[in-house]
Amino acid sequence: MSDKAKQATDMLKALSHEGRLMILCYLAHGEKSVTELENFLSLRQSAVSQQLARLRADNLIEARRDGKTIYYRIHDDRARRITELVYDLFCGPNAPGR
């Protein structure tokens, strides 16, 4: 049980950063390029790359190269499910304060 709790806290730590959570929310709608993520987040490439590196290190996302373009998608279905739940609770049409 303690191993599972450690896995859960590690994932929640990765999701606890606003930029990483926004990346996962955007990727929940499908694969996106680094440029698309930069534009969505209004951040510089270096800042986006830093957060992508953390998500990759935690095996939450995976990358695919097509020529010079790198695309990312959610790799861990648990991360997708948690992200969708957080989105529904805070951003969805039935979220409090909407």
PDB file of N, CA and C in Angstrom:
ATOM      1  N   MET A   1       0.819  -1.189   0.000  1.00  0.00           N
ATOM      2  CA  MET A   1       0.000   0.000   0.000  1.00  0.00           C
ATOM      3  C   MET A   1       0.865   1.255   0.000  1.00  0.00           C
ATOM      4  N   SER A   2       1.958   1.234   0.731  1.00  0.00           N
ATOM      5  CA  SER A   2       2.824   2.405   0.801  1.00  0.00           C
ATOM      6  C   SER A   2       3.444   2.725  -0.556  1.00  0.00           C
ATOM      7  N   ASP A   3       3.751   1.701  -1.364  1.00  0.00           N
ATOM      8  CA  ASP A   3       4.279   1.938  -2.713  1.00  0.00           C
ATOM      9  C   ASP A   3       3.256   2.666  -3.571  1.00  0.00           C
ATOM     10  N   LYS A   4       1.999   2.279  -3.454  1.00  0.00           N
ATOM     11  CA  LYS A   4       0.925   2.923  -4.227  1.00  0.00           C
ATOM     12  C   LYS A   4       0.740   4.369  -3.782  1.00  0.00           C
ATOM     13  N   ALA A   5       0.834   4.607  -2.474  1.00  0.00           N
ATOM     14  CA  ALA A   5       0.715   5.975  -1.957  1.00  0.00           C
ATOM     15  C   ALA A   5       1.857   6.836  -2.483  1.00  0.00           C
ATOM     16  N   LYS A   6       3.056   6.257  -2.559  1.00  0.00           N
ATOM     17  CA  LYS A   6       4.212   6.986  -3.100  1.00  0.00           C
ATOM     18  C   LYS A   6       3.985   7.326  -4.564  1.00  0.00           C
ATOM     19  N   GLN A   7       3.481   6.375  -5.349  1.00  0.00           N
ATOM     20  CA  GLN A   7       3.183   6.635  -6.760  1.00  0.00           C
ATOM     21  C   GLN A   7       2.162   7.763  -6.894  1.00  0.00           C
ATOM     22  N   ALA A   8       1.136   7.721  -6.064  1.00  0.00           N
ATOM     23  CA  ALA A   8       0.090   8.748  -6.120  1.00  0.00           C
ATOM     24  C   ALA A   8       0.646  10.119  -5.763  1.00  0.00           C
ATOM     25  N   THR A   9       1.448  10.196  -4.701  1.00  0.00           N
ATOM     26  CA  THR A   9       1.995  11.498  -4.317  1.00  0.00           C
ATOM     27  C   THR A   9       2.974  12.015  -5.355  1.00  0.00           C
ATOM     28  N   ASP A  10       3.751  11.134  -5.981  1.00  0.00           N
ATOM     29  CA  ASP A  10       4.659  11.564  -7.047  1.00  0.00           C
ATOM     30  C   ASP A  10       3.878  12.162  -8.214  1.00  0.00           C
ATOM     31  N   MET A  11       2.771  11.518  -8.598  1.00  0.00           N
ATOM     32  CA  MET A  11       1.975  12.039  -9.702  1.00  0.00           C
ATOM     33  C   MET A  11       1.330  13.370  -9.324  1.00  0.00           C
ATOM     34  N   LEU A  12       0.805  13.444  -8.119  1.00  0.00           N
ATOM     35  CA  LEU A  12       0.161  14.685  -7.686  1.00  0.00           C
ATOM     36  C   LEU A  12       1.164  15.830  -7.577  1.00  0.00           C
ATOM     37  N   LYS A  13       2.407  15.532  -7.214  1.00  0.00           N
ATOM     38  CA  LYS A  13       3.445  16.565  -7.196  1.00  0.00           C
ATOM     39  C   LYS A  13       3.685  17.096  -8.602  1.00  0.00           C
ATOM     40  N   ALA A  14       3.731  16.200  -9.572  1.00  0.00           N
ATOM     41  CA  ALA A  14       3.933  16.623 -10.960  1.00  0.00           C
ATOM     42  C   ALA A  14       2.775  17.496 -11.430  1.00  0.00           C
ATOM     43  N   LEU A  15       1.567  17.186 -10.983  1.00  0.00           N
ATOM     44  CA  LEU A  15       0.380  17.940 -11.387  1.00  0.00           C
ATOM     45  C   LEU A  15       0.199  19.230 -10.593  1.00  0.00           C
ATOM     46  N   SER A  16       0.969  19.404  -9.523  1.00  0.00           N
ATOM     47  CA  SER A  16       0.761  20.551  -8.641  1.00  0.00           C
ATOM     48  C   SER A  16       1.342  21.851  -9.182  1.00  0.00           C
ATOM     49  N   HIS A  17       2.006  21.815 -10.308  1.00  0.00           N
ATOM     50  CA  HIS A  17       2.561  23.017 -10.931  1.00  0.00           C
ATOM     51  C   HIS A  17       1.571  23.523 -11.979  1.00  0.00           C
ATOM     52  N   GLU A  18       1.237  24.797 -11.911  1.00  0.00           N
ATOM     53  CA  GLU A  18       0.225  25.364 -12.813  1.00  0.00           C
ATOM     54  C   GLU A  18       0.547  25.121 -14.287  1.00  0.00           C
ATOM     55  N   GLY A  19       1.787  25.347 -14.674  1.00  0.00           N
ATOM     56  CA  GLY A  19       2.172  25.155 -16.075  1.00  0.00           C
ATOM     57  C   GLY A  19       2.050  23.708 -16.519  1.00  0.00           C
ATOM     58  N   ARG A  20       2.495  22.782 -15.673  1.00  0.00           N
ATOM     59  CA  ARG A  20       2.395  21.360 -16.030  1.00  0.00           C
ATOM     60  C   ARG A  20       0.936  20.915 -16.103  1.00  0.00           C
ATOM     61  N   LEU A  21       0.120  21.405 -15.182  1.00  0.00           N
ATOM     62  CA  LEU A  21      -1.299  21.055 -15.218  1.00  0.00           C
ATOM     63  C   LEU A  21      -1.954  21.593 -16.488  1.00  0.00           C
ATOM     64  N   MET A  22      -1.611  22.811 -16.874  1.00  0.00           N
ATOM     65  CA  MET A  22      -2.176  23.381 -18.101  1.00  0.00           C
ATOM     66  C   MET A  22      -1.725  22.598 -19.332  1.00  0.00           C
ATOM     67  N   ILE A  23      -0.474  22.170 -19.345  1.00  0.00           N
ATOM     68  CA  ILE A  23       0.017  21.343 -20.456  1.00  0.00           C
ATOM     69  C   ILE A  23      -0.802  20.063 -20.539  1.00  0.00           C
ATOM     70  N   LEU A  24      -0.996  19.398 -19.418  1.00  0.00           N
ATOM     71  CA  LEU A  24      -1.767  18.152 -19.423  1.00  0.00           C
ATOM     72  C   LEU A  24      -3.219  18.393 -19.829  1.00  0.00           C
ATOM     73  N   CYS A  25      -3.810  19.499 -19.382  1.00  0.00           N
ATOM     74  CA  CYS A  25      -5.187  19.819 -19.795  1.00  0.00           C
ATOM     75  C   CYS A  25      -5.266  19.977 -21.309  1.00  0.00           C
ATOM     76  N   TYR A  26      -4.287  20.649 -21.887  1.00  0.00           N
ATOM     77  CA  TYR A  26      -4.274  20.856 -23.336  1.00  0.00           C
ATOM     78  C   TYR A  26      -4.018  19.537 -24.063  1.00  0.00           C
ATOM     79  N   LEU A  27      -3.103  18.727 -23.544  1.00  0.00           N
ATOM     80  CA  LEU A  27      -2.801  17.438 -24.174  1.00  0.00           C
ATOM     81  C   LEU A  27      -3.938  16.435 -24.010  1.00  0.00           C
ATOM     82  N   ALA A  28      -4.820  16.650 -23.050  1.00  0.00           N
ATOM     83  CA  ALA A  28      -5.969  15.755 -22.874  1.00  0.00           C
ATOM     84  C   ALA A  28      -6.879  15.784 -24.099  1.00  0.00           C
ATOM     85  N   HIS A  29      -6.752  16.847 -24.892  1.00  0.00           N
ATOM     86  CA  HIS A  29      -7.552  16.983 -26.116  1.00  0.00           C
ATOM     87  C   HIS A  29      -6.826  16.434 -27.334  1.00  0.00           C
ATOM     88  N   GLY A  30      -5.642  15.852 -27.134  1.00  0.00           N
ATOM     89  CA  GLY A  30      -4.904  15.252 -28.238  1.00  0.00           C
ATOM     90  C   GLY A  30      -3.467  15.740 -28.306  1.00  0.00           C
ATOM     91  N   GLU A  31      -2.737  15.116 -29.185  1.00  0.00           N
ATOM     92  CA  GLU A  31      -1.317  15.398 -29.382  1.00  0.00           C
ATOM     93  C   GLU A  31      -1.114  16.850 -29.832  1.00  0.00           C
ATOM     94  N   LYS A  32      -0.070  17.494 -29.290  1.00  0.00           N
ATOM     95  CA  LYS A  32       0.242  18.884 -29.635  1.00  0.00           C
ATOM     96  C   LYS A  32       1.742  19.036 -29.835  1.00  0.00           C
ATOM     97  N   SER A  33       2.105  19.980 -30.697  1.00  0.00           N
ATOM     98  CA  SER A  33       3.522  20.286 -30.915  1.00  0.00           C
ATOM     99  C   SER A  33       4.002  21.250 -29.831  1.00  0.00           C
ATOM    100  N   VAL A  34       5.314  21.373 -29.713  1.00  0.00           N
ATOM    101  CA  VAL A  34       5.893  22.307 -28.749  1.00  0.00           C
ATOM    102  C   VAL A  34       5.420  23.723 -29.064  1.00  0.00           C
ATOM    103  N   THR A  35       5.379  24.086 -30.341  1.00  0.00           N
ATOM    104  CA  THR A  35       4.937  25.422 -30.740  1.00  0.00           C
ATOM    105  C   THR A  35       3.491  25.670 -30.317  1.00  0.00           C
ATOM    106  N   GLU A  36       2.630  24.682 -30.497  1.00  0.00           N
ATOM    107  CA  GLU A  36       1.233  24.825 -30.058  1.00  0.00           C
ATOM    108  C   GLU A  36       1.161  25.030 -28.550  1.00  0.00           C
ATOM    109  N   LEU A  37       1.979  24.301 -27.811  1.00  0.00           N
ATOM    110  CA  LEU A  37       2.001  24.448 -26.354  1.00  0.00           C
ATOM    111  C   LEU A  37       2.511  25.830 -25.951  1.00  0.00           C
ATOM    112  N   GLU A  38       3.557  26.312 -26.623  1.00  0.00           N
ATOM    113  CA  GLU A  38       4.082  27.652 -26.346  1.00  0.00           C
ATOM    114  C   GLU A  38       2.995  28.696 -26.546  1.00  0.00           C
ATOM    115  N   ASN A  39       2.288  28.610 -27.666  1.00  0.00           N
ATOM    116  CA  ASN A  39       1.237  29.585 -27.968  1.00  0.00           C
ATOM    117  C   ASN A  39       0.089  29.494 -26.970  1.00  0.00           C
ATOM    118  N   PHE A  40      -0.309  28.286 -26.616  1.00  0.00           N
ATOM    119  CA  PHE A  40      -1.407  28.086 -25.668  1.00  0.00           C
ATOM    120  C   PHE A  40      -1.061  28.664 -24.297  1.00  0.00           C
ATOM    121  N   LEU A  41       0.161  28.424 -23.850  1.00  0.00           N
ATOM    122  CA  LEU A  41       0.584  28.855 -22.518  1.00  0.00           C
ATOM    123  C   LEU A  41       1.117  30.282 -22.484  1.00  0.00           C
ATOM    124  N   SER A  42       1.392  30.855 -23.660  1.00  0.00           N
ATOM    125  CA  SER A  42       2.018  32.182 -23.759  1.00  0.00           C
ATOM    126  C   SER A  42       3.334  32.219 -22.979  1.00  0.00           C
ATOM    127  N   LEU A  43       4.124  31.173 -23.161  1.00  0.00           N
ATOM    128  CA  LEU A  43       5.426  31.067 -22.506  1.00  0.00           C
ATOM    129  C   LEU A  43       6.517  30.870 -23.545  1.00  0.00           C
ATOM    130  N   ARG A  44       7.729  31.182 -23.144  1.00  0.00           N
ATOM    131  CA  ARG A  44       8.883  30.949 -24.021  1.00  0.00           C
ATOM    132  C   ARG A  44       9.151  29.453 -24.142  1.00  0.00           C
ATOM    133  N   GLN A  45       9.833  29.109 -25.222  1.00  0.00           N
ATOM    134  CA  GLN A  45      10.144  27.709 -25.506  1.00  0.00           C
ATOM    135  C   GLN A  45      10.920  27.073 -24.361  1.00  0.00           C
ATOM    136  N   SER A  46      11.853  27.802 -23.764  1.00  0.00           N
ATOM    137  CA  SER A  46      12.670  27.224 -22.691  1.00  0.00           C
ATOM    138  C   SER A  46      11.819  26.867 -21.468  1.00  0.00           C
ATOM    139  N   ALA A  47      10.848  27.712 -21.135  1.00  0.00           N
ATOM    140  CA  ALA A  47       9.978  27.436 -19.984  1.00  0.00           C
ATOM    141  C   ALA A  47       9.085  26.227 -20.254  1.00  0.00           C
ATOM    142  N   VAL A  48       8.547  26.148 -21.473  1.00  0.00           N
ATOM    143  CA  VAL A  48       7.703  25.010 -21.843  1.00  0.00           C
ATOM    144  C   VAL A  48       8.536  23.729 -21.830  1.00  0.00           C
ATOM    145  N   SER A  49       9.733  23.793 -22.396  1.00  0.00           N
ATOM    146  CA  SER A  49      10.604  22.614 -22.451  1.00  0.00           C
ATOM    147  C   SER A  49      10.956  22.110 -21.060  1.00  0.00           C
ATOM    148  N   GLN A  50      11.160  23.025 -20.125  1.00  0.00           N
ATOM    149  CA  GLN A  50      11.486  22.628 -18.751  1.00  0.00           C
ATOM    150  C   GLN A  50      10.333  21.826 -18.142  1.00  0.00           C
ATOM    151  N   GLN A  51       9.110  22.284 -18.345  1.00  0.00           N
ATOM    152  CA  GLN A  51       7.953  21.573 -17.790  1.00  0.00           C
ATOM    153  C   GLN A  51       7.703  20.257 -18.522  1.00  0.00           C
ATOM    154  N   LEU A  52       7.917  20.245 -19.833  1.00  0.00           N
ATOM    155  CA  LEU A  52       7.777  19.003 -20.596  1.00  0.00           C
ATOM    156  C   LEU A  52       8.798  17.970 -20.125  1.00  0.00           C
ATOM    157  N   ALA A  53      10.010  18.423 -19.829  1.00  0.00           N
ATOM    158  CA  ALA A  53      11.059  17.509 -19.352  1.00  0.00           C
ATOM    159  C   ALA A  53      10.640  16.858 -18.036  1.00  0.00           C
ATOM    160  N   ARG A  54      10.044  17.628 -17.146  1.00  0.00           N
ATOM    161  CA  ARG A  54       9.583  17.067 -15.863  1.00  0.00           C
ATOM    162  C   ARG A  54       8.479  16.037 -16.101  1.00  0.00           C
ATOM    163  N   LEU A  55       7.528  16.366 -16.969  1.00  0.00           N
ATOM    164  CA  LEU A  55       6.430  15.434 -17.256  1.00  0.00           C
ATOM    165  C   LEU A  55       6.943  14.165 -17.936  1.00  0.00           C
ATOM    166  N   ARG A  56       7.950  14.307 -18.804  1.00  0.00           N
ATOM    167  CA  ARG A  56       8.567  13.133 -19.450  1.00  0.00           C
ATOM    168  C   ARG A  56       9.304  12.292 -18.425  1.00  0.00           C
ATOM    169  N   ALA A  57      10.041  12.935 -17.536  1.00  0.00           N
ATOM    170  CA  ALA A  57      10.804  12.208 -16.509  1.00  0.00           C
ATOM    171  C   ALA A  57       9.873  11.406 -15.601  1.00  0.00           C
ATOM    172  N   ASP A  58       8.675  11.920 -15.394  1.00  0.00           N
ATOM    173  CA  ASP A  58       7.686  11.218 -14.568  1.00  0.00           C
ATOM    174  C   ASP A  58       6.843  10.240 -15.384  1.00  0.00           C
ATOM    175  N   ASN A  59       7.201  10.061 -16.657  1.00  0.00           N
ATOM    176  CA  ASN A  59       6.490   9.141 -17.570  1.00  0.00           C
ATOM    177  C   ASN A  59       5.008   9.461 -17.725  1.00  0.00           C
ATOM    178  N   LEU A  60       4.656  10.735 -17.614  1.00  0.00           N
ATOM    179  CA  LEU A  60       3.262  11.134 -17.791  1.00  0.00           C
ATOM    180  C   LEU A  60       2.955  11.469 -19.245  1.00  0.00           C
ATOM    181  N   ILE A  61       3.986  11.887 -19.986  1.00  0.00           N
ATOM    182  CA  ILE A  61       3.817  12.199 -21.402  1.00  0.00           C
ATOM    183  C   ILE A  61       4.901  11.495 -22.205  1.00  0.00           C
ATOM    184  N   GLU A  62       4.683  11.427 -23.518  1.00  0.00           N
ATOM    185  CA  GLU A  62       5.698  10.877 -24.411  1.00  0.00           C
ATOM    186  C   GLU A  62       5.798  11.772 -25.632  1.00  0.00           C
ATOM    187  N   ALA A  63       6.959  11.714 -26.276  1.00  0.00           N
ATOM    188  CA  ALA A  63       7.242  12.566 -27.426  1.00  0.00           C
ATOM    189  C   ALA A  63       7.359  11.735 -28.691  1.00  0.00           C
ATOM    190  N   ARG A  64       7.057  12.416 -29.802  1.00  0.00           N
ATOM    191  CA  ARG A  64       7.207  11.824 -31.130  1.00  0.00           C
ATOM    192  C   ARG A  64       7.757  12.914 -32.031  1.00  0.00           C
ATOM    193  N   ARG A  65       8.761  12.560 -32.828  1.00  0.00           N
ATOM    194  CA  ARG A  65       9.363  13.531 -33.740  1.00  0.00           C
ATOM    195  C   ARG A  65       8.852  13.284 -35.153  1.00  0.00           C
ATOM    196  N   ASP A  66       8.506  14.380 -35.832  1.00  0.00           N
ATOM    197  CA  ASP A  66       8.120  14.340 -37.240  1.00  0.00           C
ATOM    198  C   ASP A  66       8.927  15.428 -37.936  1.00  0.00           C
ATOM    199  N   GLY A  67      10.042  15.032 -38.541  1.00  0.00           N
ATOM    200  CA  GLY A  67      10.952  16.023 -39.115  1.00  0.00           C
ATOM    201  C   GLY A  67      11.583  16.824 -37.993  1.00  0.00           C
ATOM    202  N   LYS A  68      11.404  18.157 -38.048  1.00  0.00           N
ATOM    203  CA  LYS A  68      11.954  19.025 -37.007  1.00  0.00           C
ATOM    204  C   LYS A  68      10.960  19.291 -35.880  1.00  0.00           C
ATOM    205  N   THR A  69       9.748  18.829 -36.040  1.00  0.00           N
ATOM    206  CA  THR A  69       8.698  19.107 -35.062  1.00  0.00           C
ATOM    207  C   THR A  69       8.563  17.954 -34.073  1.00  0.00           C
ATOM    208  N   ILE A  70       8.469  18.314 -32.794  1.00  0.00           N
ATOM    209  CA  ILE A  70       8.259  17.319 -31.746  1.00  0.00           C
ATOM    210  C   ILE A  70       6.832  17.471 -31.235  1.00  0.00           C
ATOM    211  N   TYR A  71       6.144  16.351 -31.175  1.00  0.00           N
ATOM    212  CA  TYR A  71       4.765  16.314 -30.687  1.00  0.00           C
ATOM    213  C   TYR A  71       4.727  15.564 -29.362  1.00  0.00           C
ATOM    214  N   TYR A  72       3.846  16.010 -28.488  1.00  0.00           N
ATOM    215  CA  TYR A  72       3.680  15.369 -27.184  1.00  0.00           C
ATOM    216  C   TYR A  72       2.252  14.899 -27.009  1.00  0.00           C
ATOM    217  N   ARG A  73       2.112  13.824 -26.247  1.00  0.00           N
ATOM    218  CA  ARG A  73       0.791  13.315 -25.879  1.00  0.00           C
ATOM    219  C   ARG A  73       0.897  12.692 -24.494  1.00  0.00           C
ATOM    220  N   ILE A  74      -0.248  12.557 -23.850  1.00  0.00           N
ATOM    221  CA  ILE A  74      -0.277  11.943 -22.524  1.00  0.00           C
ATOM    222  C   ILE A  74      -0.008  10.453 -22.676  1.00  0.00           C
ATOM    223  N   HIS A  75       0.904   9.953 -21.881  1.00  0.00           N
ATOM    224  CA  HIS A  75       1.304   8.545 -21.920  1.00  0.00           C
ATOM    225  C   HIS A  75       0.594   7.726 -20.844  1.00  0.00           C
ATOM    226  N   ASP A  76       0.403   8.317 -19.683  1.00  0.00           N
ATOM    227  CA  ASP A  76      -0.158   7.611 -18.531  1.00  0.00           C
ATOM    228  C   ASP A  76      -1.658   7.895 -18.445  1.00  0.00           C
ATOM    229  N   ASP A  77      -2.465   6.868 -18.604  1.00  0.00           N
ATOM    230  CA  ASP A  77      -3.917   7.053 -18.584  1.00  0.00           C
ATOM    231  C   ASP A  77      -4.410   7.592 -17.244  1.00  0.00           C
ATOM    232  N   ARG A  78      -3.715   7.277 -16.168  1.00  0.00           N
ATOM    233  CA  ARG A  78      -4.108   7.820 -14.860  1.00  0.00           C
ATOM    234  C   ARG A  78      -3.972   9.336 -14.851  1.00  0.00           C
ATOM    235  N   ALA A  79      -2.906   9.847 -15.474  1.00  0.00           N
ATOM    236  CA  ALA A  79      -2.715  11.297 -15.564  1.00  0.00           C
ATOM    237  C   ALA A  79      -3.834  11.921 -16.393  1.00  0.00           C
ATOM    238  N   ARG A  80      -4.222  11.251 -17.475  1.00  0.00           N
ATOM    239  CA  ARG A  80      -5.322  11.754 -18.304  1.00  0.00           C
ATOM    240  C   ARG A  80      -6.618  11.815 -17.485  1.00  0.00           C
ATOM    241  N   ARG A  81      -6.906  10.761 -16.756  1.00  0.00           N
ATOM    242  CA  ARG A  81      -8.150  10.703 -15.987  1.00  0.00           C
ATOM    243  C   ARG A  81      -8.177  11.759 -14.878  1.00  0.00           C
ATOM    244  N   ILE A  82      -7.051  11.929 -14.184  1.00  0.00           N
ATOM    245  CA  ILE A  82      -6.984  12.947 -13.132  1.00  0.00           C
ATOM    246  C   ILE A  82      -7.128  14.335 -13.740  1.00  0.00           C
ATOM    247  N   THR A  83      -6.455  14.575 -14.856  1.00  0.00           N
ATOM    248  CA  THR A  83      -6.527  15.872 -15.527  1.00  0.00           C
ATOM    249  C   THR A  83      -7.958  16.175 -15.955  1.00  0.00           C
ATOM    250  N   GLU A  84      -8.635  15.196 -16.525  1.00  0.00           N
ATOM    251  CA  GLU A  84     -10.024  15.397 -16.947  1.00  0.00           C
ATOM    252  C   GLU A  84     -10.925  15.691 -15.750  1.00  0.00           C
ATOM    253  N   LEU A  85     -10.698  15.006 -14.638  1.00  0.00           N
ATOM    254  CA  LEU A  85     -11.488  15.252 -13.435  1.00  0.00           C
ATOM    255  C   LEU A  85     -11.251  16.669 -12.912  1.00  0.00           C
ATOM    256  N   VAL A  86      -9.994  17.079 -12.828  1.00  0.00           N
ATOM    257  CA  VAL A  86      -9.667  18.429 -12.360  1.00  0.00           C
ATOM    258  C   VAL A  86     -10.301  19.464 -13.290  1.00  0.00           C
ATOM    259  N   TYR A  87     -10.227  19.223 -14.593  1.00  0.00           N
ATOM    260  CA  TYR A  87     -10.836  20.142 -15.557  1.00  0.00           C
ATOM    261  C   TYR A  87     -12.341  20.250 -15.305  1.00  0.00           C
ATOM    262  N   ASP A  88     -13.004  19.115 -15.177  1.00  0.00           N
ATOM    263  CA  ASP A  88     -14.453  19.120 -14.942  1.00  0.00           C
ATOM    264  C   ASP A  88     -14.812  19.855 -13.652  1.00  0.00           C
ATOM    265  N   LEU A  89     -14.033  19.640 -12.603  1.00  0.00           N
ATOM    266  CA  LEU A  89     -14.326  20.255 -11.310  1.00  0.00           C
ATOM    267  C   LEU A  89     -14.090  21.759 -11.292  1.00  0.00           C
ATOM    268  N   PHE A  90     -13.075  22.232 -12.035  1.00  0.00           N
ATOM    269  CA  PHE A  90     -12.693  23.635 -11.941  1.00  0.00           C
ATOM    270  C   PHE A  90     -12.969  24.455 -13.196  1.00  0.00           C
ATOM    271  N   CYS A  91     -13.059  23.822 -14.352  1.00  0.00           N
ATOM    272  CA  CYS A  91     -13.187  24.567 -15.607  1.00  0.00           C
ATOM    273  C   CYS A  91     -14.428  24.199 -16.413  1.00  0.00           C
ATOM    274  N   GLY A  92     -15.035  23.080 -16.103  1.00  0.00           N
ATOM    275  CA  GLY A  92     -16.174  22.593 -16.871  1.00  0.00           C
ATOM    276  C   GLY A  92     -17.413  23.462 -16.692  1.00  0.00           C
ATOM    277  N   PRO A  93     -18.435  23.208 -17.493  1.00  0.00           N
ATOM    278  CA  PRO A  93     -19.648  24.028 -17.458  1.00  0.00           C
ATOM    279  C   PRO A  93     -20.393  23.969 -16.125  1.00  0.00           C
ATOM    280  N   ASN A  94     -20.202  22.920 -15.355  1.00  0.00           N
ATOM    281  CA  ASN A  94     -20.880  22.798 -14.061  1.00  0.00           C
ATOM    282  C   ASN A  94     -19.987  23.148 -12.878  1.00  0.00           C
ATOM    283  N   ALA A  95     -18.803  23.696 -13.165  1.00  0.00           N
ATOM    284  CA  ALA A  95     -17.874  24.051 -12.093  1.00  0.00           C
ATOM    285  C   ALA A  95     -18.443  25.217 -11.281  1.00  0.00           C
ATOM    286  N   PRO A  96     -18.252  25.194  -9.970  1.00  0.00           N
ATOM    287  CA  PRO A  96     -18.721  26.312  -9.141  1.00  0.00           C
ATOM    288  C   PRO A  96     -18.098  27.627  -9.610  1.00  0.00           C
ATOM    289  N   GLY A  97     -18.892  28.673  -9.606  1.00  0.00           N
ATOM    290  CA  GLY A  97     -18.384  29.982 -10.003  1.00  0.00           C
ATOM    291  C   GLY A  97     -18.363  30.216 -11.496  1.00  0.00           C
ATOM    292  N   ARG A  98     -18.866  29.282 -12.276  1.00  0.00           N
ATOM    293  CA  ARG A  98     -18.903  29.455 -13.744  1.00  0.00           C
ATOM    294  C   ARG A  98     -20.152  30.182 -14.136  1.00  0.00           C
TER     295      ARG A  98
END
